[in-house]
């Protein structure tokens, strides 16, 4: 009897491996964790982003997912709204050795569902976090999820795609969707450029070659392209909100590691792409 059980288990294992190899079973579904975080940590990290714009035939709708949303927020096309002074923006001390702006955090997969569109939603998540910082609002999972879906649908209408947005395309979403008038994309930046903006109270969005980040929570080798928010710094490290992991709130990267990883999107060779940062704000008219 024991031999029969062993033979059955071995046969089942062979069938599962064959199905995985043939694409009949997604190996990511074998684990409780999903697309982004490392298997060892049973987390939910993304391993990379699509190099093609495989658009959905229908608009994304909350009903497509296996959970019920509540506390929905209505988000519309702000279209040139003029946000004036905000208590969350200001000079935090350019000579400070340590700064950490109170930017609310969301993972790009608020409910740890790393299938589409969430595995491609780092750009949407970073815009949402910065917007809620300037609005002085809290950001929970339900609100973040609804915002991500709304942004994805907006981008599909506006660009025809939502994946792999460049720094300029991401800035355009902040302008057109949330209505921010002063959104700057700055190229060929230095570490001091990033710190200067943060010291002025401006969270900085940076595009990166995600595999250079070395985040221990990423399922290796990590995402080809990834965006995160720099919200602070210490004497030796940047403090970030990294939406690519549920553990991304106040995630620290050394100056050298993050700066080396900063590159705008390039489908052919991201490691040769320009360094860039997106800054929302920098004057009375945010």
C-alpha atoms as a PDB file:
ATOM      1  CA  UNK A   1       0.000   0.000   0.000  1.00  0.00           C
ATOM      2  CA  UNK A   2       2.789   2.391   0.964  1.00  0.00           C
ATOM      3  CA  UNK A   3       4.568   1.719  -2.340  1.00  0.00           C
ATOM      4  CA  UNK A   4       1.370   2.519  -4.263  1.00  0.00           C
ATOM      5  CA  UNK A   5       1.029   5.861  -2.436  1.00  0.00           C
ATOM      6  CA  UNK A   6       4.631   6.739  -3.248  1.00  0.00           C
ATOM      7  CA  UNK A   7       4.129   5.833  -6.916  1.00  0.00           C
ATOM      8  CA  UNK A   8       0.956   7.981  -7.081  1.00  0.00           C
ATOM      9  CA  UNK A   9       2.713  10.981  -5.488  1.00  0.00           C
ATOM     10  CA  UNK A  10       5.680  10.676  -7.849  1.00  0.00           C
ATOM     11  CA  UNK A  11       3.353  10.423 -10.850  1.00  0.00           C
ATOM     12  CA  UNK A  12       1.383  13.503  -9.688  1.00  0.00           C
ATOM     13  CA  UNK A  13       4.618  15.467  -9.333  1.00  0.00           C
ATOM     14  CA  UNK A  14       5.705  14.512 -12.854  1.00  0.00           C
ATOM     15  CA  UNK A  15       2.324  15.573 -14.257  1.00  0.00           C
ATOM     16  CA  UNK A  16       2.490  18.934 -12.440  1.00  0.00           C
ATOM     17  CA  UNK A  17       6.011  19.641 -13.700  1.00  0.00           C
ATOM     18  CA  UNK A  18       5.024  18.718 -17.246  1.00  0.00           C
ATOM     19  CA  UNK A  19       1.942  20.945 -17.096  1.00  0.00           C
ATOM     20  CA  UNK A  20       3.995  23.841 -15.789  1.00  0.00           C
ATOM     21  CA  UNK A  21       6.595  23.370 -18.527  1.00  0.00           C
ATOM     22  CA  UNK A  22       3.904  23.282 -21.202  1.00  0.00           C
ATOM     23  CA  UNK A  23       2.231  26.398 -19.833  1.00  0.00           C
ATOM     24  CA  UNK A  24      -0.911  24.594 -18.677  1.00  0.00           C
ATOM     25  CA  UNK A  25      -0.254  25.582 -15.073  1.00  0.00           C
ATOM     26  CA  UNK A  26       1.221  28.912 -13.979  1.00  0.00           C
ATOM     27  CA  UNK A  27       4.042  28.063 -11.587  1.00  0.00           C
ATOM     28  CA  UNK A  28       3.318  31.271  -9.679  1.00  0.00           C
ATOM     29  CA  UNK A  29      -0.069  29.833  -8.671  1.00  0.00           C
ATOM     30  CA  UNK A  30       1.575  26.954  -6.820  1.00  0.00           C
ATOM     31  CA  UNK A  31       2.485  29.322  -3.998  1.00  0.00           C
ATOM     32  CA  UNK A  32       0.338  31.560  -1.831  1.00  0.00           C
ATOM     33  CA  UNK A  33       2.574  34.435  -2.787  1.00  0.00           C
ATOM     34  CA  UNK A  34       2.117  36.007  -6.177  1.00  0.00           C
ATOM     35  CA  UNK A  35       3.950  37.789  -8.902  1.00  0.00           C
ATOM     36  CA  UNK A  36       6.185  40.247  -7.093  1.00  0.00           C
ATOM     37  CA  UNK A  37       7.663  39.148  -3.817  1.00  0.00           C
ATOM     38  CA  UNK A  38      10.275  36.494  -3.213  1.00  0.00           C
ATOM     39  CA  UNK A  39       9.174  32.929  -2.724  1.00  0.00           C
ATOM     40  CA  UNK A  40      11.351  32.601   0.358  1.00  0.00           C
ATOM     41  CA  UNK A  41       9.436  35.378   2.060  1.00  0.00           C
ATOM     42  CA  UNK A  42       6.013  34.193   0.833  1.00  0.00           C
ATOM     43  CA  UNK A  43       5.466  37.702  -0.413  1.00  0.00           C
ATOM     44  CA  UNK A  44       4.051  39.164  -3.617  1.00  0.00           C
ATOM     45  CA  UNK A  45       6.665  40.930  -5.715  1.00  0.00           C
ATOM     46  CA  UNK A  46       6.861  41.489  -9.455  1.00  0.00           C
ATOM     47  CA  UNK A  47       9.577  39.896 -11.526  1.00  0.00           C
ATOM     48  CA  UNK A  48       9.302  42.114 -14.540  1.00  0.00           C
ATOM     49  CA  UNK A  49       7.037  44.090 -16.747  1.00  0.00           C
ATOM     50  CA  UNK A  50       5.609  43.363 -20.132  1.00  0.00           C
ATOM     51  CA  UNK A  51       7.652  44.558 -23.063  1.00  0.00           C
ATOM     52  CA  UNK A  52       4.512  44.693 -25.211  1.00  0.00           C
ATOM     53  CA  UNK A  53       1.329  46.651 -24.821  1.00  0.00           C
ATOM     54  CA  UNK A  54      -1.207  43.849 -24.586  1.00  0.00           C
ATOM     55  CA  UNK A  55      -4.268  45.989 -23.987  1.00  0.00           C
ATOM     56  CA  UNK A  56      -7.518  44.679 -22.576  1.00  0.00           C
ATOM     57  CA  UNK A  57     -10.429  44.503 -24.964  1.00  0.00           C
ATOM     58  CA  UNK A  58     -12.781  45.851 -22.286  1.00  0.00           C
ATOM     59  CA  UNK A  59     -12.361  48.472 -19.612  1.00  0.00           C
ATOM     60  CA  UNK A  60     -11.224  47.086 -16.289  1.00  0.00           C
ATOM     61  CA  UNK A  61     -14.029  46.850 -13.780  1.00  0.00           C
ATOM     62  CA  UNK A  62     -14.022  45.961 -10.107  1.00  0.00           C
ATOM     63  CA  UNK A  63     -16.480  43.180 -10.883  1.00  0.00           C
ATOM     64  CA  UNK A  64     -13.724  41.357 -12.732  1.00  0.00           C
ATOM     65  CA  UNK A  65     -11.942  40.547  -9.489  1.00  0.00           C
ATOM     66  CA  UNK A  66     -12.667  38.061  -6.754  1.00  0.00           C
ATOM     67  CA  UNK A  67     -13.264  40.434  -3.890  1.00  0.00           C
ATOM     68  CA  UNK A  68     -15.861  43.047  -3.093  1.00  0.00           C
ATOM     69  CA  UNK A  69     -14.812  46.656  -2.932  1.00  0.00           C
ATOM     70  CA  UNK A  70     -16.236  49.117  -0.497  1.00  0.00           C
ATOM     71  CA  UNK A  71     -15.567  52.764   0.299  1.00  0.00           C
ATOM     72  CA  UNK A  72     -15.116  53.566  -3.371  1.00  0.00           C
ATOM     73  CA  UNK A  73     -13.837  56.990  -4.288  1.00  0.00           C
ATOM     74  CA  UNK A  74     -14.951  58.838  -7.352  1.00  0.00           C
ATOM     75  CA  UNK A  75     -12.032  59.968  -9.452  1.00  0.00           C
ATOM     76  CA  UNK A  76     -12.502  62.059 -12.534  1.00  0.00           C
ATOM     77  CA  UNK A  77     -10.428  63.925 -15.034  1.00  0.00           C
ATOM     78  CA  UNK A  78      -9.447  66.972 -13.032  1.00  0.00           C
ATOM     79  CA  UNK A  79      -8.372  68.735 -16.207  1.00  0.00           C
ATOM     80  CA  UNK A  80      -6.404  71.763 -15.087  1.00  0.00           C
ATOM     81  CA  UNK A  81      -7.541  72.139 -11.490  1.00  0.00           C
ATOM     82  CA  UNK A  82      -5.351  74.711  -9.803  1.00  0.00           C
ATOM     83  CA  UNK A  83      -4.095  73.449  -6.450  1.00  0.00           C
ATOM     84  CA  UNK A  84      -2.655  76.400  -4.565  1.00  0.00           C
ATOM     85  CA  UNK A  85      -0.896  76.347  -1.227  1.00  0.00           C
ATOM     86  CA  UNK A  86      -0.794  73.052   0.652  1.00  0.00           C
ATOM     87  CA  UNK A  87       0.322  72.372   4.193  1.00  0.00           C
ATOM     88  CA  UNK A  88       2.172  69.256   3.077  1.00  0.00           C
ATOM     89  CA  UNK A  89       4.437  71.187   0.748  1.00  0.00           C
ATOM     90  CA  UNK A  90       7.142  73.430   2.082  1.00  0.00           C
ATOM     91  CA  UNK A  91      10.790  73.757   3.024  1.00  0.00           C
ATOM     92  CA  UNK A  92      11.743  70.870   5.298  1.00  0.00           C
ATOM     93  CA  UNK A  93      15.286  72.164   5.706  1.00  0.00           C
ATOM     94  CA  UNK A  94      17.824  71.801   2.936  1.00  0.00           C
ATOM     95  CA  UNK A  95      20.597  71.425   5.483  1.00  0.00           C
ATOM     96  CA  UNK A  96      18.885  68.625   7.390  1.00  0.00           C
ATOM     97  CA  UNK A  97      20.783  65.364   7.567  1.00  0.00           C
ATOM     98  CA  UNK A  98      17.592  63.329   7.806  1.00  0.00           C
ATOM     99  CA  UNK A  99      14.163  64.008   6.298  1.00  0.00           C
ATOM    100  CA  UNK A 100      11.153  61.730   5.856  1.00  0.00           C
ATOM    101  CA  UNK A 101       8.047  63.212   4.240  1.00  0.00           C
ATOM    102  CA  UNK A 102       4.693  61.775   5.392  1.00  0.00           C
ATOM    103  CA  UNK A 103       3.792  60.260   2.025  1.00  0.00           C
ATOM    104  CA  UNK A 104       1.039  57.623   2.407  1.00  0.00           C
ATOM    105  CA  UNK A 105       1.867  54.175   1.091  1.00  0.00           C
ATOM    106  CA  UNK A 106       0.170  51.686  -1.164  1.00  0.00           C
ATOM    107  CA  UNK A 107       1.467  48.626  -2.888  1.00  0.00           C
ATOM    108  CA  UNK A 108       0.672  48.491  -6.579  1.00  0.00           C
ATOM    109  CA  UNK A 109      -1.324  45.365  -5.682  1.00  0.00           C
ATOM    110  CA  UNK A 110      -3.312  46.548  -2.653  1.00  0.00           C
ATOM    111  CA  UNK A 111      -5.036  43.174  -2.208  1.00  0.00           C
ATOM    112  CA  UNK A 112      -1.955  41.131  -3.164  1.00  0.00           C
ATOM    113  CA  UNK A 113      -3.421  40.162  -6.510  1.00  0.00           C
ATOM    114  CA  UNK A 114      -0.410  40.421  -8.811  1.00  0.00           C
ATOM    115  CA  UNK A 115      -2.145  39.587 -12.052  1.00  0.00           C
ATOM    116  CA  UNK A 116      -3.036  42.256 -14.625  1.00  0.00           C
ATOM    117  CA  UNK A 117      -3.321  45.161 -14.238  1.00  0.00           C
ATOM    118  CA  UNK A 118      -1.492  45.212 -10.912  1.00  0.00           C
ATOM    119  CA  UNK A 119       1.780  43.682 -12.027  1.00  0.00           C
ATOM    120  CA  UNK A 120       2.119  46.672 -14.381  1.00  0.00           C
ATOM    121  CA  UNK A 121       0.776  49.329 -12.007  1.00  0.00           C
ATOM    122  CA  UNK A 122       3.854  50.784 -10.308  1.00  0.00           C
ATOM    123  CA  UNK A 123       3.514  54.025 -12.305  1.00  0.00           C
ATOM    124  CA  UNK A 124      -0.098  54.438 -11.217  1.00  0.00           C
ATOM    125  CA  UNK A 125       0.748  53.669  -7.579  1.00  0.00           C
ATOM    126  CA  UNK A 126       3.488  56.285  -7.328  1.00  0.00           C
ATOM    127  CA  UNK A 127       1.261  59.030  -8.761  1.00  0.00           C
ATOM    128  CA  UNK A 128      -1.508  58.083  -6.332  1.00  0.00           C
ATOM    129  CA  UNK A 129       0.827  58.216  -3.328  1.00  0.00           C
ATOM    130  CA  UNK A 130       2.162  61.651  -4.234  1.00  0.00           C
ATOM    131  CA  UNK A 131      -1.328  62.970  -4.967  1.00  0.00           C
ATOM    132  CA  UNK A 132      -2.635  61.820  -1.590  1.00  0.00           C
ATOM    133  CA  UNK A 133       0.388  63.401   0.098  1.00  0.00           C
ATOM    134  CA  UNK A 134      -0.420  66.784  -1.418  1.00  0.00           C
ATOM    135  CA  UNK A 135      -4.114  66.369  -0.652  1.00  0.00           C
ATOM    136  CA  UNK A 136      -3.347  65.447   2.947  1.00  0.00           C
ATOM    137  CA  UNK A 137      -5.616  62.394   2.715  1.00  0.00           C
ATOM    138  CA  UNK A 138      -5.289  58.885   4.055  1.00  0.00           C
ATOM    139  CA  UNK A 139      -4.882  56.043   1.588  1.00  0.00           C
ATOM    140  CA  UNK A 140      -6.314  52.629   2.389  1.00  0.00           C
ATOM    141  CA  UNK A 141      -6.421  49.480   0.270  1.00  0.00           C
ATOM    142  CA  UNK A 142      -9.939  50.042  -1.037  1.00  0.00           C
ATOM    143  CA  UNK A 143      -9.251  53.607  -2.115  1.00  0.00           C
ATOM    144  CA  UNK A 144      -5.878  52.689  -3.629  1.00  0.00           C
ATOM    145  CA  UNK A 145      -7.388  49.820  -5.604  1.00  0.00           C
ATOM    146  CA  UNK A 146     -10.172  51.982  -6.998  1.00  0.00           C
ATOM    147  CA  UNK A 147      -7.681  54.721  -7.930  1.00  0.00           C
ATOM    148  CA  UNK A 148      -5.391  52.262  -9.715  1.00  0.00           C
ATOM    149  CA  UNK A 149      -8.240  50.876 -11.808  1.00  0.00           C
ATOM    150  CA  UNK A 150      -9.432  54.390 -12.678  1.00  0.00           C
ATOM    151  CA  UNK A 151      -5.939  55.487 -13.709  1.00  0.00           C
ATOM    152  CA  UNK A 152      -5.427  52.386 -15.846  1.00  0.00           C
ATOM    153  CA  UNK A 153      -8.678  53.030 -17.683  1.00  0.00           C
ATOM    154  CA  UNK A 154      -7.760  56.693 -18.162  1.00  0.00           C
ATOM    155  CA  UNK A 155      -4.372  55.753 -19.635  1.00  0.00           C
ATOM    156  CA  UNK A 156      -5.954  53.231 -21.987  1.00  0.00           C
ATOM    157  CA  UNK A 157      -8.195  56.014 -23.297  1.00  0.00           C
ATOM    158  CA  UNK A 158      -5.458  58.657 -23.363  1.00  0.00           C
ATOM    159  CA  UNK A 159      -2.423  56.679 -24.584  1.00  0.00           C
ATOM    160  CA  UNK A 160      -3.935  53.443 -25.825  1.00  0.00           C
ATOM    161  CA  UNK A 161      -1.883  51.521 -23.242  1.00  0.00           C
ATOM    162  CA  UNK A 162      -0.947  51.712 -19.571  1.00  0.00           C
ATOM    163  CA  UNK A 163       2.152  49.532 -19.270  1.00  0.00           C
ATOM    164  CA  UNK A 164       5.763  50.716 -19.159  1.00  0.00           C
ATOM    165  CA  UNK A 165       5.123  54.461 -19.027  1.00  0.00           C
ATOM    166  CA  UNK A 166       8.145  56.692 -19.471  1.00  0.00           C
ATOM    167  CA  UNK A 167       8.876  59.499 -17.041  1.00  0.00           C
ATOM    168  CA  UNK A 168       7.255  62.035 -19.361  1.00  0.00           C
ATOM    169  CA  UNK A 169       4.175  59.883 -19.937  1.00  0.00           C
ATOM    170  CA  UNK A 170       3.791  59.412 -16.194  1.00  0.00           C
ATOM    171  CA  UNK A 171       4.101  63.160 -15.668  1.00  0.00           C
ATOM    172  CA  UNK A 172       1.449  63.696 -18.319  1.00  0.00           C
ATOM    173  CA  UNK A 173      -0.947  61.491 -16.364  1.00  0.00           C
ATOM    174  CA  UNK A 174      -0.392  63.636 -13.263  1.00  0.00           C
ATOM    175  CA  UNK A 175      -1.161  66.744 -15.315  1.00  0.00           C
ATOM    176  CA  UNK A 176      -4.171  65.475 -17.227  1.00  0.00           C
ATOM    177  CA  UNK A 177      -5.846  63.205 -14.698  1.00  0.00           C
ATOM    178  CA  UNK A 178      -5.184  64.923 -11.386  1.00  0.00           C
ATOM    179  CA  UNK A 179      -4.841  68.409 -12.833  1.00  0.00           C
ATOM    180  CA  UNK A 180      -1.420  69.363 -11.493  1.00  0.00           C
ATOM    181  CA  UNK A 181      -0.057  72.352 -13.380  1.00  0.00           C
ATOM    182  CA  UNK A 182       3.566  72.221 -12.250  1.00  0.00           C
ATOM    183  CA  UNK A 183       4.922  68.786 -13.076  1.00  0.00           C
ATOM    184  CA  UNK A 184       8.565  68.687 -14.056  1.00  0.00           C
ATOM    185  CA  UNK A 185      10.576  65.898 -15.647  1.00  0.00           C
ATOM    186  CA  UNK A 186      14.248  66.543 -15.013  1.00  0.00           C
ATOM    187  CA  UNK A 187      16.969  64.553 -16.777  1.00  0.00           C
ATOM    188  CA  UNK A 188      20.636  63.815 -16.082  1.00  0.00           C
ATOM    189  CA  UNK A 189      20.048  64.282 -12.364  1.00  0.00           C
ATOM    190  CA  UNK A 190      22.420  63.902  -9.432  1.00  0.00           C
ATOM    191  CA  UNK A 191      21.925  62.582  -5.916  1.00  0.00           C
ATOM    192  CA  UNK A 192      21.942  66.158  -4.657  1.00  0.00           C
ATOM    193  CA  UNK A 193      19.167  67.098  -7.094  1.00  0.00           C
ATOM    194  CA  UNK A 194      16.916  64.462  -5.535  1.00  0.00           C
ATOM    195  CA  UNK A 195      17.774  65.471  -1.971  1.00  0.00           C
ATOM    196  CA  UNK A 196      17.192  69.141  -2.763  1.00  0.00           C
ATOM    197  CA  UNK A 197      13.638  68.523  -3.963  1.00  0.00           C
ATOM    198  CA  UNK A 198      12.826  66.316  -0.980  1.00  0.00           C
ATOM    199  CA  UNK A 199      14.184  68.987   1.377  1.00  0.00           C
ATOM    200  CA  UNK A 200      11.773  71.440  -0.236  1.00  0.00           C
ATOM    201  CA  UNK A 201       8.897  69.118   0.606  1.00  0.00           C
ATOM    202  CA  UNK A 202       8.496  67.541  -2.826  1.00  0.00           C
ATOM    203  CA  UNK A 203       8.358  63.742  -3.038  1.00  0.00           C
ATOM    204  CA  UNK A 204      10.375  62.600  -6.050  1.00  0.00           C
ATOM    205  CA  UNK A 205       9.217  59.883  -8.455  1.00  0.00           C
ATOM    206  CA  UNK A 206      12.062  58.001 -10.108  1.00  0.00           C
ATOM    207  CA  UNK A 207      12.000  55.417 -12.919  1.00  0.00           C
ATOM    208  CA  UNK A 208      14.459  52.589 -12.417  1.00  0.00           C
ATOM    209  CA  UNK A 209      16.005  49.512 -13.913  1.00  0.00           C
ATOM    210  CA  UNK A 210      14.424  47.400 -11.216  1.00  0.00           C
ATOM    211  CA  UNK A 211      16.913  44.559 -11.359  1.00  0.00           C
ATOM    212  CA  UNK A 212      19.634  46.936 -10.172  1.00  0.00           C
ATOM    213  CA  UNK A 213      17.740  47.741  -6.971  1.00  0.00           C
ATOM    214  CA  UNK A 214      18.548  44.435  -5.319  1.00  0.00           C
ATOM    215  CA  UNK A 215      15.359  44.529  -3.252  1.00  0.00           C
ATOM    216  CA  UNK A 216      15.326  41.336  -1.183  1.00  0.00           C
ATOM    217  CA  UNK A 217      11.536  41.113  -1.456  1.00  0.00           C
ATOM    218  CA  UNK A 218      11.502  41.017  -5.253  1.00  0.00           C
ATOM    219  CA  UNK A 219      11.137  37.642  -6.893  1.00  0.00           C
ATOM    220  CA  UNK A 220      14.469  37.463  -8.651  1.00  0.00           C
ATOM    221  CA  UNK A 221      15.845  38.764 -10.907  1.00  0.00           C
ATOM    222  CA  UNK A 222      13.414  41.622 -10.249  1.00  0.00           C
ATOM    223  CA  UNK A 223      11.438  43.872 -12.600  1.00  0.00           C
ATOM    224  CA  UNK A 224      13.006  45.102 -15.812  1.00  0.00           C
ATOM    225  CA  UNK A 225      11.377  48.508 -15.232  1.00  0.00           C
ATOM    226  CA  UNK A 226       9.987  49.918 -12.017  1.00  0.00           C
ATOM    227  CA  UNK A 227       8.983  53.241 -10.437  1.00  0.00           C
ATOM    228  CA  UNK A 228       9.094  54.306  -6.797  1.00  0.00           C
ATOM    229  CA  UNK A 229       8.780  57.429  -4.659  1.00  0.00           C
ATOM    230  CA  UNK A 230      11.729  58.992  -2.842  1.00  0.00           C
ATOM    231  CA  UNK A 231      10.241  60.554   0.293  1.00  0.00           C
ATOM    232  CA  UNK A 232      13.269  61.147   2.475  1.00  0.00           C
ATOM    233  CA  UNK A 233      16.902  60.502   3.183  1.00  0.00           C
ATOM    234  CA  UNK A 234      19.421  59.877   5.935  1.00  0.00           C
ATOM    235  CA  UNK A 235      23.157  60.530   5.865  1.00  0.00           C
ATOM    236  CA  UNK A 236      23.732  57.420   3.749  1.00  0.00           C
ATOM    237  CA  UNK A 237      20.381  56.245   2.343  1.00  0.00           C
ATOM    238  CA  UNK A 238      17.261  57.306   0.502  1.00  0.00           C
ATOM    239  CA  UNK A 239      13.921  56.553   2.154  1.00  0.00           C
ATOM    240  CA  UNK A 240      11.341  55.383  -0.366  1.00  0.00           C
ATOM    241  CA  UNK A 241       7.819  54.164  -0.799  1.00  0.00           C
ATOM    242  CA  UNK A 242       8.373  51.208  -3.116  1.00  0.00           C
ATOM    243  CA  UNK A 243       5.037  49.935  -4.489  1.00  0.00           C
ATOM    244  CA  UNK A 244       6.614  46.724  -5.763  1.00  0.00           C
ATOM    245  CA  UNK A 245       6.282  45.078  -2.350  1.00  0.00           C
ATOM    246  CA  UNK A 246       3.784  45.212   0.488  1.00  0.00           C
ATOM    247  CA  UNK A 247       6.825  45.911   2.670  1.00  0.00           C
ATOM    248  CA  UNK A 248       7.733  48.960   0.611  1.00  0.00           C
ATOM    249  CA  UNK A 249       6.747  51.682   3.106  1.00  0.00           C
ATOM    250  CA  UNK A 250       9.857  53.598   4.223  1.00  0.00           C
ATOM    251  CA  UNK A 251      12.072  51.161   2.334  1.00  0.00           C
ATOM    252  CA  UNK A 252      15.729  52.242   2.437  1.00  0.00           C
ATOM    253  CA  UNK A 253      18.136  52.120  -0.489  1.00  0.00           C
ATOM    254  CA  UNK A 254      21.709  53.343  -0.288  1.00  0.00           C
ATOM    255  CA  UNK A 255      22.470  56.454  -2.305  1.00  0.00           C
ATOM    256  CA  UNK A 256      24.733  54.457  -4.609  1.00  0.00           C
ATOM    257  CA  UNK A 257      22.291  51.603  -5.248  1.00  0.00           C
ATOM    258  CA  UNK A 258      19.258  53.760  -6.011  1.00  0.00           C
ATOM    259  CA  UNK A 259      21.140  56.322  -8.067  1.00  0.00           C
ATOM    260  CA  UNK A 260      22.793  53.580 -10.118  1.00  0.00           C
ATOM    261  CA  UNK A 261      19.373  52.027 -10.786  1.00  0.00           C
ATOM    262  CA  UNK A 262      17.665  55.228 -11.969  1.00  0.00           C
ATOM    263  CA  UNK A 263      16.965  55.004 -15.706  1.00  0.00           C
ATOM    264  CA  UNK A 264      14.003  56.036 -17.818  1.00  0.00           C
ATOM    265  CA  UNK A 265      12.165  53.363 -19.781  1.00  0.00           C
ATOM    266  CA  UNK A 266      13.877  51.960 -22.857  1.00  0.00           C
ATOM    267  CA  UNK A 267      12.530  48.702 -24.307  1.00  0.00           C
ATOM    268  CA  UNK A 268      15.854  47.876 -25.948  1.00  0.00           C
ATOM    269  CA  UNK A 269      18.411  48.662 -23.244  1.00  0.00           C
ATOM    270  CA  UNK A 270      17.216  50.368 -20.087  1.00  0.00           C
ATOM    271  CA  UNK A 271      20.748  50.445 -18.671  1.00  0.00           C
ATOM    272  CA  UNK A 272      21.716  53.057 -21.250  1.00  0.00           C
ATOM    273  CA  UNK A 273      18.621  55.212 -20.763  1.00  0.00           C
ATOM    274  CA  UNK A 274      18.852  58.658 -19.209  1.00  0.00           C
ATOM    275  CA  UNK A 275      18.506  59.263 -15.509  1.00  0.00           C
ATOM    276  CA  UNK A 276      15.311  61.131 -14.751  1.00  0.00           C
ATOM    277  CA  UNK A 277      13.031  62.236 -11.936  1.00  0.00           C
ATOM    278  CA  UNK A 278       9.469  63.539 -11.792  1.00  0.00           C
ATOM    279  CA  UNK A 279       8.667  66.366  -9.415  1.00  0.00           C
ATOM    280  CA  UNK A 280       5.133  67.565  -8.752  1.00  0.00           C
ATOM    281  CA  UNK A 281       5.078  71.029  -7.248  1.00  0.00           C
ATOM    282  CA  UNK A 282       7.733  73.650  -6.849  1.00  0.00           C
ATOM    283  CA  UNK A 283       5.807  76.901  -6.598  1.00  0.00           C
ATOM    284  CA  UNK A 284       2.428  78.257  -5.584  1.00  0.00           C
ATOM    285  CA  UNK A 285       0.672  76.402  -8.393  1.00  0.00           C
ATOM    286  CA  UNK A 286       1.154  72.743  -7.722  1.00  0.00           C
END
